[in-house]
Amino acid sequence: MIVAFDRCVQAHPDRLALRSGDEAFTYGELQALVYRAANGLHELGVRESSKVALMLPNGPGFVACWFGAACLGATLVPLNTRLKRDLLAYQLAHA
């Protein structure tokens, strides 16, 4: 997935890649967000084969973290932002 994304960035850095509400990101801008997320995750100890639980609403931050985790070879575990207590604990225990 990341290889295909990087090819899109190289071929079309100024083309629209993501629109979320009033925000719009070119492939180049999205790549910068992805790399920033990957660096942040790495600083937190995320490595290849790590599992990363992510509880964010849909939007650019979610996409950046998803692709950032993929850059590191980690697996993203998306969590519904409405989960509470027992259901959240269950999801985390079984991820």
PDB file of N, CA and C in Angstrom:
ATOM      1  N   MET A   1       0.829  -1.193   0.000  1.00  0.00           N
ATOM      2  CA  MET A   1       0.000   0.000   0.000  1.00  0.00           C
ATOM      3  C   MET A   1       0.869   1.251   0.000  1.00  0.00           C
ATOM      4  N   ILE A   2       1.895   1.288   0.832  1.00  0.00           N
ATOM      5  CA  ILE A   2       2.734   2.471   0.934  1.00  0.00           C
ATOM      6  C   ILE A   2       3.511   2.687  -0.355  1.00  0.00           C
ATOM      7  N   VAL A   3       3.938   1.619  -1.004  1.00  0.00           N
ATOM      8  CA  VAL A   3       4.661   1.755  -2.266  1.00  0.00           C
ATOM      9  C   VAL A   3       3.773   2.429  -3.296  1.00  0.00           C
ATOM     10  N   ALA A   4       2.528   2.012  -3.391  1.00  0.00           N
ATOM     11  CA  ALA A   4       1.583   2.622  -4.338  1.00  0.00           C
ATOM     12  C   ALA A   4       1.346   4.086  -3.983  1.00  0.00           C
ATOM     13  N   PHE A   5       1.229   4.384  -2.705  1.00  0.00           N
ATOM     14  CA  PHE A   5       1.040   5.774  -2.269  1.00  0.00           C
ATOM     15  C   PHE A   5       2.242   6.623  -2.665  1.00  0.00           C
ATOM     16  N   ASP A   6       3.451   6.113  -2.411  1.00  0.00           N
ATOM     17  CA  ASP A   6       4.656   6.858  -2.760  1.00  0.00           C
ATOM     18  C   ASP A   6       4.746   7.101  -4.266  1.00  0.00           C
ATOM     19  N   ARG A   7       4.292   6.144  -5.058  1.00  0.00           N
ATOM     20  CA  ARG A   7       4.277   6.346  -6.514  1.00  0.00           C
ATOM     21  C   ARG A   7       3.327   7.476  -6.890  1.00  0.00           C
ATOM     22  N   CYS A   8       2.182   7.531  -6.249  1.00  0.00           N
ATOM     23  CA  CYS A   8       1.228   8.614  -6.512  1.00  0.00           C
ATOM     24  C   CYS A   8       1.822   9.966  -6.131  1.00  0.00           C
ATOM     25  N   VAL A   9       2.527   9.998  -5.016  1.00  0.00           N
ATOM     26  CA  VAL A   9       3.157  11.247  -4.571  1.00  0.00           C
ATOM     27  C   VAL A   9       4.198  11.693  -5.589  1.00  0.00           C
ATOM     28  N   GLN A  10       5.017  10.754  -6.051  1.00  0.00           N
ATOM     29  CA  GLN A  10       6.060  11.096  -7.019  1.00  0.00           C
ATOM     30  C   GLN A  10       5.462  11.564  -8.344  1.00  0.00           C
ATOM     31  N   ALA A  11       4.402  10.917  -8.783  1.00  0.00           N
ATOM     32  CA  ALA A  11       3.806  11.239 -10.077  1.00  0.00           C
ATOM     33  C   ALA A  11       2.948  12.501 -10.036  1.00  0.00           C
ATOM     34  N   HIS A  12       2.280  12.742  -8.900  1.00  0.00           N
ATOM     35  CA  HIS A  12       1.303  13.838  -8.819  1.00  0.00           C
ATOM     36  C   HIS A  12       1.359  14.554  -7.471  1.00  0.00           C
ATOM     37  N   PRO A  13       2.481  15.157  -7.111  1.00  0.00           N
ATOM     38  CA  PRO A  13       2.596  15.757  -5.775  1.00  0.00           C
ATOM     39  C   PRO A  13       1.606  16.885  -5.510  1.00  0.00           C
ATOM     40  N   ASP A  14       1.127  17.546  -6.548  1.00  0.00           N
ATOM     41  CA  ASP A  14       0.215  18.679  -6.367  1.00  0.00           C
ATOM     42  C   ASP A  14      -1.243  18.341  -6.644  1.00  0.00           C
ATOM     43  N   ARG A  15      -1.522  17.069  -6.910  1.00  0.00           N
ATOM     44  CA  ARG A  15      -2.896  16.650  -7.183  1.00  0.00           C
ATOM     45  C   ARG A  15      -3.629  16.398  -5.863  1.00  0.00           C
ATOM     46  N   LEU A  16      -4.916  16.666  -5.850  1.00  0.00           N
ATOM     47  CA  LEU A  16      -5.735  16.451  -4.653  1.00  0.00           C
ATOM     48  C   LEU A  16      -5.743  14.972  -4.275  1.00  0.00           C
ATOM     49  N   ALA A  17      -5.411  14.695  -3.028  1.00  0.00           N
ATOM     50  CA  ALA A  17      -5.374  13.322  -2.530  1.00  0.00           C
ATOM     51  C   ALA A  17      -6.479  13.050  -1.517  1.00  0.00           C
ATOM     52  N   LEU A  18      -6.822  14.064  -0.709  1.00  0.00           N
ATOM     53  CA  LEU A  18      -7.766  13.855   0.384  1.00  0.00           C
ATOM     54  C   LEU A  18      -8.540  15.138   0.639  1.00  0.00           C
ATOM     55  N   ARG A  19      -9.834  14.974   0.775  1.00  0.00           N
ATOM     56  CA  ARG A  19     -10.686  16.093   1.163  1.00  0.00           C
ATOM     57  C   ARG A  19     -11.487  15.632   2.381  1.00  0.00           C
ATOM     58  N   SER A  20     -11.481  16.486   3.396  1.00  0.00           N
ATOM     59  CA  SER A  20     -12.220  16.189   4.627  1.00  0.00           C
ATOM     60  C   SER A  20     -12.860  17.482   5.106  1.00  0.00           C
ATOM     61  N   GLY A  21     -14.152  17.584   4.919  1.00  0.00           N
ATOM     62  CA  GLY A  21     -14.831  18.817   5.282  1.00  0.00           C
ATOM     63  C   GLY A  21     -14.285  19.968   4.465  1.00  0.00           C
ATOM     64  N   ASP A  22     -13.824  20.998   5.136  1.00  0.00           N
ATOM     65  CA  ASP A  22     -13.259  22.166   4.454  1.00  0.00           C
ATOM     66  C   ASP A  22     -11.765  22.015   4.171  1.00  0.00           C
ATOM     67  N   GLU A  23     -11.173  20.937   4.622  1.00  0.00           N
ATOM     68  CA  GLU A  23      -9.736  20.733   4.430  1.00  0.00           C
ATOM     69  C   GLU A  23      -9.479  19.928   3.163  1.00  0.00           C
ATOM     70  N   ALA A  24      -8.413  20.274   2.473  1.00  0.00           N
ATOM     71  CA  ALA A  24      -7.998  19.541   1.284  1.00  0.00           C
ATOM     72  C   ALA A  24      -6.480  19.386   1.326  1.00  0.00           C
ATOM     73  N   PHE A  25      -6.006  18.214   0.917  1.00  0.00           N
ATOM     74  CA  PHE A  25      -4.580  17.909   0.959  1.00  0.00           C
ATOM     75  C   PHE A  25      -4.131  17.339  -0.371  1.00  0.00           C
ATOM     76  N   THR A  26      -3.031  17.855  -0.881  1.00  0.00           N
ATOM     77  CA  THR A  26      -2.421  17.270  -2.067  1.00  0.00           C
ATOM     78  C   THR A  26      -1.671  16.005  -1.631  1.00  0.00           C
ATOM     79  N   TYR A  27      -1.225  15.226  -2.609  1.00  0.00           N
ATOM     80  CA  TYR A  27      -0.442  14.045  -2.267  1.00  0.00           C
ATOM     81  C   TYR A  27       0.830  14.434  -1.515  1.00  0.00           C
ATOM     82  N   GLY A  28       1.462  15.516  -1.915  1.00  0.00           N
ATOM     83  CA  GLY A  28       2.667  15.969  -1.220  1.00  0.00           C
ATOM     84  C   GLY A  28       2.395  16.369   0.221  1.00  0.00           C
ATOM     85  N   GLU A  29       1.307  17.095   0.427  1.00  0.00           N
ATOM     86  CA  GLU A  29       0.944  17.517   1.794  1.00  0.00           C
ATOM     87  C   GLU A  29       0.553  16.316   2.656  1.00  0.00           C
ATOM     88  N   LEU A  30      -0.163  15.383   2.048  1.00  0.00           N
ATOM     89  CA  LEU A  30      -0.562  14.187   2.797  1.00  0.00           C
ATOM     90  C   LEU A  30       0.664  13.361   3.153  1.00  0.00           C
ATOM     91  N   GLN A  31       1.613  13.252   2.246  1.00  0.00           N
ATOM     92  CA  GLN A  31       2.833  12.509   2.544  1.00  0.00           C
ATOM     93  C   GLN A  31       3.565  13.131   3.734  1.00  0.00           C
ATOM     94  N   ALA A  32       3.611  14.462   3.796  1.00  0.00           N
ATOM     95  CA  ALA A  32       4.259  15.129   4.928  1.00  0.00           C
ATOM     96  C   ALA A  32       3.552  14.778   6.238  1.00  0.00           C
ATOM     97  N   LEU A  33       2.215  14.745   6.228  1.00  0.00           N
ATOM     98  CA  LEU A  33       1.458  14.350   7.428  1.00  0.00           C
ATOM     99  C   LEU A  33       1.751  12.902   7.814  1.00  0.00           C
ATOM    100  N   VAL A  34       1.803  12.043   6.808  1.00  0.00           N
ATOM    101  CA  VAL A  34       2.063  10.619   7.052  1.00  0.00           C
ATOM    102  C   VAL A  34       3.440  10.435   7.678  1.00  0.00           C
ATOM    103  N   TYR A  35       4.442  11.109   7.134  1.00  0.00           N
ATOM    104  CA  TYR A  35       5.792  10.978   7.689  1.00  0.00           C
ATOM    105  C   TYR A  35       5.874  11.545   9.102  1.00  0.00           C
ATOM    106  N   ARG A  36       5.161  12.633   9.346  1.00  0.00           N
ATOM    107  CA  ARG A  36       5.143  13.195  10.705  1.00  0.00           C
ATOM    108  C   ARG A  36       4.495  12.204  11.671  1.00  0.00           C
ATOM    109  N   ALA A  37       3.400  11.573  11.243  1.00  0.00           N
ATOM    110  CA  ALA A  37       2.740  10.569  12.087  1.00  0.00           C
ATOM    111  C   ALA A  37       3.654   9.372  12.310  1.00  0.00           C
ATOM    112  N   ALA A  38       4.324   8.917  11.251  1.00  0.00           N
ATOM    113  CA  ALA A  38       5.235   7.773  11.383  1.00  0.00           C
ATOM    114  C   ALA A  38       6.366   8.095  12.352  1.00  0.00           C
ATOM    115  N   ASN A  39       6.926   9.290  12.252  1.00  0.00           N
ATOM    116  CA  ASN A  39       8.001   9.684  13.178  1.00  0.00           C
ATOM    117  C   ASN A  39       7.500   9.739  14.612  1.00  0.00           C
ATOM    118  N   GLY A  40       6.306  10.281  14.816  1.00  0.00           N
ATOM    119  CA  GLY A  40       5.728  10.340  16.156  1.00  0.00           C
ATOM    120  C   GLY A  40       5.469   8.960  16.731  1.00  0.00           C
ATOM    121  N   LEU A  41       4.924   8.077  15.910  1.00  0.00           N
ATOM    122  CA  LEU A  41       4.673   6.704  16.360  1.00  0.00           C
ATOM    123  C   LEU A  41       5.989   5.999  16.685  1.00  0.00           C
ATOM    124  N   HIS A  42       7.001   6.225  15.870  1.00  0.00           N
ATOM    125  CA  HIS A  42       8.302   5.614  16.118  1.00  0.00           C
ATOM    126  C   HIS A  42       8.884   6.091  17.444  1.00  0.00           C
ATOM    127  N   GLU A  43       8.758   7.384  17.717  1.00  0.00           N
ATOM    128  CA  GLU A  43       9.244   7.929  18.991  1.00  0.00           C
ATOM    129  C   GLU A  43       8.510   7.319  20.184  1.00  0.00           C
ATOM    130  N   LEU A  44       7.266   6.890  19.962  1.00  0.00           N
ATOM    131  CA  LEU A  44       6.495   6.250  21.028  1.00  0.00           C
ATOM    132  C   LEU A  44       6.814   4.759  21.170  1.00  0.00           C
ATOM    133  N   GLY A  45       7.698   4.257  20.315  1.00  0.00           N
ATOM    134  CA  GLY A  45       8.112   2.860  20.428  1.00  0.00           C
ATOM    135  C   GLY A  45       7.463   1.915  19.441  1.00  0.00           C
ATOM    136  N   VAL A  46       6.714   2.426  18.495  1.00  0.00           N
ATOM    137  CA  VAL A  46       6.079   1.573  17.492  1.00  0.00           C
ATOM    138  C   VAL A  46       7.145   1.084  16.524  1.00  0.00           C
ATOM    139  N   ARG A  47       7.159  -0.224  16.304  1.00  0.00           N
ATOM    140  CA  ARG A  47       8.123  -0.853  15.405  1.00  0.00           C
ATOM    141  C   ARG A  47       7.380  -1.841  14.503  1.00  0.00           C
ATOM    142  N   GLU A  48       8.131  -2.472  13.623  1.00  0.00           N
ATOM    143  CA  GLU A  48       7.549  -3.480  12.754  1.00  0.00           C
ATOM    144  C   GLU A  48       6.876  -4.554  13.602  1.00  0.00           C
ATOM    145  N   SER A  49       5.706  -4.962  13.204  1.00  0.00           N
ATOM    146  CA  SER A  49       4.870  -5.969  13.883  1.00  0.00           C
ATOM    147  C   SER A  49       4.156  -5.438  15.124  1.00  0.00           C
ATOM    148  N   SER A  50       4.353  -4.160  15.478  1.00  0.00           N
ATOM    149  CA  SER A  50       3.589  -3.576  16.592  1.00  0.00           C
ATOM    150  C   SER A  50       2.123  -3.474  16.189  1.00  0.00           C
ATOM    151  N   LYS A  51       1.272  -3.484  17.188  1.00  0.00           N
ATOM    152  CA  LYS A  51      -0.146  -3.201  16.986  1.00  0.00           C
ATOM    153  C   LYS A  51      -0.416  -1.830  17.586  1.00  0.00           C
ATOM    154  N   VAL A  52      -1.091  -0.982  16.814  1.00  0.00           N
ATOM    155  CA  VAL A  52      -1.363   0.390  17.249  1.00  0.00           C
ATOM    156  C   VAL A  52      -2.867   0.582  17.337  1.00  0.00           C
ATOM    157  N   ALA A  53      -3.377   0.738  18.553  1.00  0.00           N
ATOM    158  CA  ALA A  53      -4.798   1.037  18.737  1.00  0.00           C
ATOM    159  C   ALA A  53      -4.992   2.528  18.467  1.00  0.00           C
ATOM    160  N   LEU A  54      -5.946   2.830  17.607  1.00  0.00           N
ATOM    161  CA  LEU A  54      -6.182   4.218  17.216  1.00  0.00           C
ATOM    162  C   LEU A  54      -7.651   4.557  17.401  1.00  0.00           C
ATOM    163  N   MET A  55      -7.896   5.538  18.240  1.00  0.00           N
ATOM    164  CA  MET A  55      -9.264   5.967  18.521  1.00  0.00           C
ATOM    165  C   MET A  55      -9.385   7.431  18.135  1.00  0.00           C
ATOM    166  N   LEU A  56      -9.599   7.665  16.858  1.00  0.00           N
ATOM    167  CA  LEU A  56      -9.747   9.011  16.312  1.00  0.00           C
ATOM    168  C   LEU A  56     -10.970   9.047  15.410  1.00  0.00           C
ATOM    169  N   PRO A  57     -11.595  10.200  15.298  1.00  0.00           N
ATOM    170  CA  PRO A  57     -12.691  10.311  14.332  1.00  0.00           C
ATOM    171  C   PRO A  57     -12.127  10.268  12.915  1.00  0.00           C
ATOM    172  N   ASN A  58     -12.993   9.985  11.950  1.00  0.00           N
ATOM    173  CA  ASN A  58     -12.574   9.995  10.558  1.00  0.00           C
ATOM    174  C   ASN A  58     -12.044  11.375  10.200  1.00  0.00           C
ATOM    175  N   GLY A  59     -10.961  11.415   9.459  1.00  0.00           N
ATOM    176  CA  GLY A  59     -10.381  12.685   9.051  1.00  0.00           C
ATOM    177  C   GLY A  59      -8.925  12.525   8.699  1.00  0.00           C
ATOM    178  N   PRO A  60      -8.255  13.626   8.390  1.00  0.00           N
ATOM    179  CA  PRO A  60      -6.850  13.574   7.979  1.00  0.00           C
ATOM    180  C   PRO A  60      -5.927  12.952   9.024  1.00  0.00           C
ATOM    181  N   GLY A  61      -6.175  13.201  10.293  1.00  0.00           N
ATOM    182  CA  GLY A  61      -5.336  12.615  11.339  1.00  0.00           C
ATOM    183  C   GLY A  61      -5.410  11.109  11.349  1.00  0.00           C
ATOM    184  N   PHE A  62      -6.609  10.575  11.147  1.00  0.00           N
ATOM    185  CA  PHE A  62      -6.786   9.122  11.100  1.00  0.00           C
ATOM    186  C   PHE A  62      -6.018   8.542   9.917  1.00  0.00           C
ATOM    187  N   VAL A  63      -6.181   9.162   8.749  1.00  0.00           N
ATOM    188  CA  VAL A  63      -5.500   8.675   7.543  1.00  0.00           C
ATOM    189  C   VAL A  63      -3.989   8.740   7.729  1.00  0.00           C
ATOM    190  N   ALA A  64      -3.488   9.833   8.275  1.00  0.00           N
ATOM    191  CA  ALA A  64      -2.048   9.992   8.484  1.00  0.00           C
ATOM    192  C   ALA A  64      -1.506   8.933   9.440  1.00  0.00           C
ATOM    193  N   CYS A  65      -2.227   8.657  10.514  1.00  0.00           N
ATOM    194  CA  CYS A  65      -1.779   7.635  11.466  1.00  0.00           C
ATOM    195  C   CYS A  65      -1.838   6.241  10.859  1.00  0.00           C
ATOM    196  N   TRP A  66      -2.861   5.973  10.088  1.00  0.00           N
ATOM    197  CA  TRP A  66      -3.014   4.670   9.432  1.00  0.00           C
ATOM    198  C   TRP A  66      -1.837   4.424   8.489  1.00  0.00           C
ATOM    199  N   PHE A  67      -1.576   5.383   7.603  1.00  0.00           N
ATOM    200  CA  PHE A  67      -0.474   5.233   6.665  1.00  0.00           C
ATOM    201  C   PHE A  67       0.870   5.286   7.391  1.00  0.00           C
ATOM    202  N   GLY A  68       0.962   6.107   8.435  1.00  0.00           N
ATOM    203  CA  GLY A  68       2.197   6.185   9.207  1.00  0.00           C
ATOM    204  C   GLY A  68       2.533   4.864   9.870  1.00  0.00           C
ATOM    205  N   ALA A  69       1.534   4.214  10.421  1.00  0.00           N
ATOM    206  CA  ALA A  69       1.745   2.889  11.019  1.00  0.00           C
ATOM    207  C   ALA A  69       2.190   1.899   9.949  1.00  0.00           C
ATOM    208  N   ALA A  70       1.578   1.973   8.782  1.00  0.00           N
ATOM    209  CA  ALA A  70       1.954   1.086   7.678  1.00  0.00           C
ATOM    210  C   ALA A  70       3.401   1.321   7.251  1.00  0.00           C
ATOM    211  N   CYS A  71       3.849   2.562   7.258  1.00  0.00           N
ATOM    212  CA  CYS A  71       5.243   2.874   6.919  1.00  0.00           C
ATOM    213  C   CYS A  71       6.213   2.149   7.844  1.00  0.00           C
ATOM    214  N   LEU A  72       5.809   1.987   9.080  1.00  0.00           N
ATOM    215  CA  LEU A  72       6.665   1.336  10.080  1.00  0.00           C
ATOM    216  C   LEU A  72       6.501  -0.175  10.091  1.00  0.00           C
ATOM    217  N   GLY A  73       5.569  -0.696   9.303  1.00  0.00           N
ATOM    218  CA  GLY A  73       5.297  -2.131   9.305  1.00  0.00           C
ATOM    219  C   GLY A  73       4.410  -2.556  10.456  1.00  0.00           C
ATOM    220  N   ALA A  74       3.750  -1.595  11.077  1.00  0.00           N
ATOM    221  CA  ALA A  74       2.859  -1.884  12.208  1.00  0.00           C
ATOM    222  C   ALA A  74       1.440  -2.131  11.708  1.00  0.00           C
ATOM    223  N   THR A  75       0.645  -2.740  12.547  1.00  0.00           N
ATOM    224  CA  THR A  75      -0.754  -3.020  12.236  1.00  0.00           C
ATOM    225  C   THR A  75      -1.630  -2.042  12.993  1.00  0.00           C
ATOM    226  N   LEU A  76      -2.513  -1.387  12.274  1.00  0.00           N
ATOM    227  CA  LEU A  76      -3.436  -0.448  12.904  1.00  0.00           C
ATOM    228  C   LEU A  76      -4.665  -1.194  13.403  1.00  0.00           C
ATOM    229  N   VAL A  77      -5.077  -0.887  14.629  1.00  0.00           N
ATOM    230  CA  VAL A  77      -6.298  -1.434  15.210  1.00  0.00           C
ATOM    231  C   VAL A  77      -7.239  -0.251  15.415  1.00  0.00           C
ATOM    232  N   PRO A  78      -8.109   0.022  14.438  1.00  0.00           N
ATOM    233  CA  PRO A  78      -9.019   1.162  14.582  1.00  0.00           C
ATOM    234  C   PRO A  78     -10.104   0.866  15.606  1.00  0.00           C
ATOM    235  N   LEU A  79     -10.353   1.819  16.463  1.00  0.00           N
ATOM    236  CA  LEU A  79     -11.369   1.662  17.499  1.00  0.00           C
ATOM    237  C   LEU A  79     -12.459   2.708  17.301  1.00  0.00           C
ATOM    238  N   ASN A  80     -13.676   2.296  17.480  1.00  0.00           N
ATOM    239  CA  ASN A  80     -14.817   3.192  17.376  1.00  0.00           C
ATOM    240  C   ASN A  80     -14.723   4.234  18.492  1.00  0.00           C
ATOM    241  N   THR A  81     -14.863   5.491  18.140  1.00  0.00           N
ATOM    242  CA  THR A  81     -14.740   6.570  19.128  1.00  0.00           C
ATOM    243  C   THR A  81     -15.880   6.571  20.140  1.00  0.00           C
ATOM    244  N   ARG A  82     -16.907   5.801  19.888  1.00  0.00           N
ATOM    245  CA  ARG A  82     -18.039   5.740  20.828  1.00  0.00           C
ATOM    246  C   ARG A  82     -17.927   4.603  21.843  1.00  0.00           C
ATOM    247  N   LEU A  83     -16.892   3.805  21.733  1.00  0.00           N
ATOM    248  CA  LEU A  83     -16.731   2.695  22.679  1.00  0.00           C
ATOM    249  C   LEU A  83     -16.452   3.227  24.079  1.00  0.00           C
ATOM    250  N   LYS A  84     -17.020   2.576  25.052  1.00  0.00           N
ATOM    251  CA  LYS A  84     -16.824   2.941  26.455  1.00  0.00           C
ATOM    252  C   LYS A  84     -16.480   1.688  27.260  1.00  0.00           C
ATOM    253  N   ARG A  85     -15.886   1.861  28.353  1.00  0.00           N
ATOM    254  CA  ARG A  85     -15.541   0.893  29.390  1.00  0.00           C
ATOM    255  C   ARG A  85     -15.414  -0.551  28.920  1.00  0.00           C
ATOM    256  N   ASP A  86     -16.432  -1.372  29.183  1.00  0.00           N
ATOM    257  CA  ASP A  86     -16.339  -2.806  28.941  1.00  0.00           C
ATOM    258  C   ASP A  86     -16.112  -3.135  27.470  1.00  0.00           C
ATOM    259  N   LEU A  87     -16.808  -2.453  26.577  1.00  0.00           N
ATOM    260  CA  LEU A  87     -16.640  -2.730  25.155  1.00  0.00           C
ATOM    261  C   LEU A  87     -15.253  -2.310  24.669  1.00  0.00           C
ATOM    262  N   LEU A  88     -14.772  -1.187  25.171  1.00  0.00           N
ATOM    263  CA  LEU A  88     -13.428  -0.741  24.812  1.00  0.00           C
ATOM    264  C   LEU A  88     -12.387  -1.720  25.354  1.00  0.00           C
ATOM    265  N   ALA A  89     -12.540  -2.126  26.593  1.00  0.00           N
ATOM    266  CA  ALA A  89     -11.614  -3.083  27.195  1.00  0.00           C
ATOM    267  C   ALA A  89     -11.616  -4.394  26.414  1.00  0.00           C
ATOM    268  N   TYR A  90     -12.791  -4.833  26.002  1.00  0.00           N
ATOM    269  CA  TYR A  90     -12.898  -6.072  25.208  1.00  0.00           C
ATOM    270  C   TYR A  90     -12.133  -5.935  23.896  1.00  0.00           C
ATOM    271  N   GLN A  91     -12.367  -4.829  23.185  1.00  0.00           N
ATOM    272  CA  GLN A  91     -11.696  -4.603  21.908  1.00  0.00           C
ATOM    273  C   GLN A  91     -10.180  -4.597  22.081  1.00  0.00           C
ATOM    274  N   LEU A  92      -9.696  -3.899  23.090  1.00  0.00           N
ATOM    275  CA  LEU A  92      -8.261  -3.811  23.310  1.00  0.00           C
ATOM    276  C   LEU A  92      -7.659  -5.170  23.701  1.00  0.00           C
ATOM    277  N   ALA A  93      -8.383  -5.922  24.500  1.00  0.00           N
ATOM    278  CA  ALA A  93      -7.889  -7.236  24.931  1.00  0.00           C
ATOM    279  C   ALA A  93      -7.819  -8.232  23.786  1.00  0.00           C
ATOM    280  N   HIS A  94      -8.663  -8.052  22.787  1.00  0.00           N
ATOM    281  CA  HIS A  94      -8.718  -9.004  21.675  1.00  0.00           C
ATOM    282  C   HIS A  94      -8.059  -8.499  20.403  1.00  0.00           C
ATOM    283  N   ALA A  95      -7.366  -7.398  20.500  1.00  0.00           N
ATOM    284  CA  ALA A  95      -6.746  -6.814  19.295  1.00  0.00           C
ATOM    285  C   ALA A  95      -5.468  -7.582  18.944  1.00  0.00           C
TER     286      ALA A  95
END
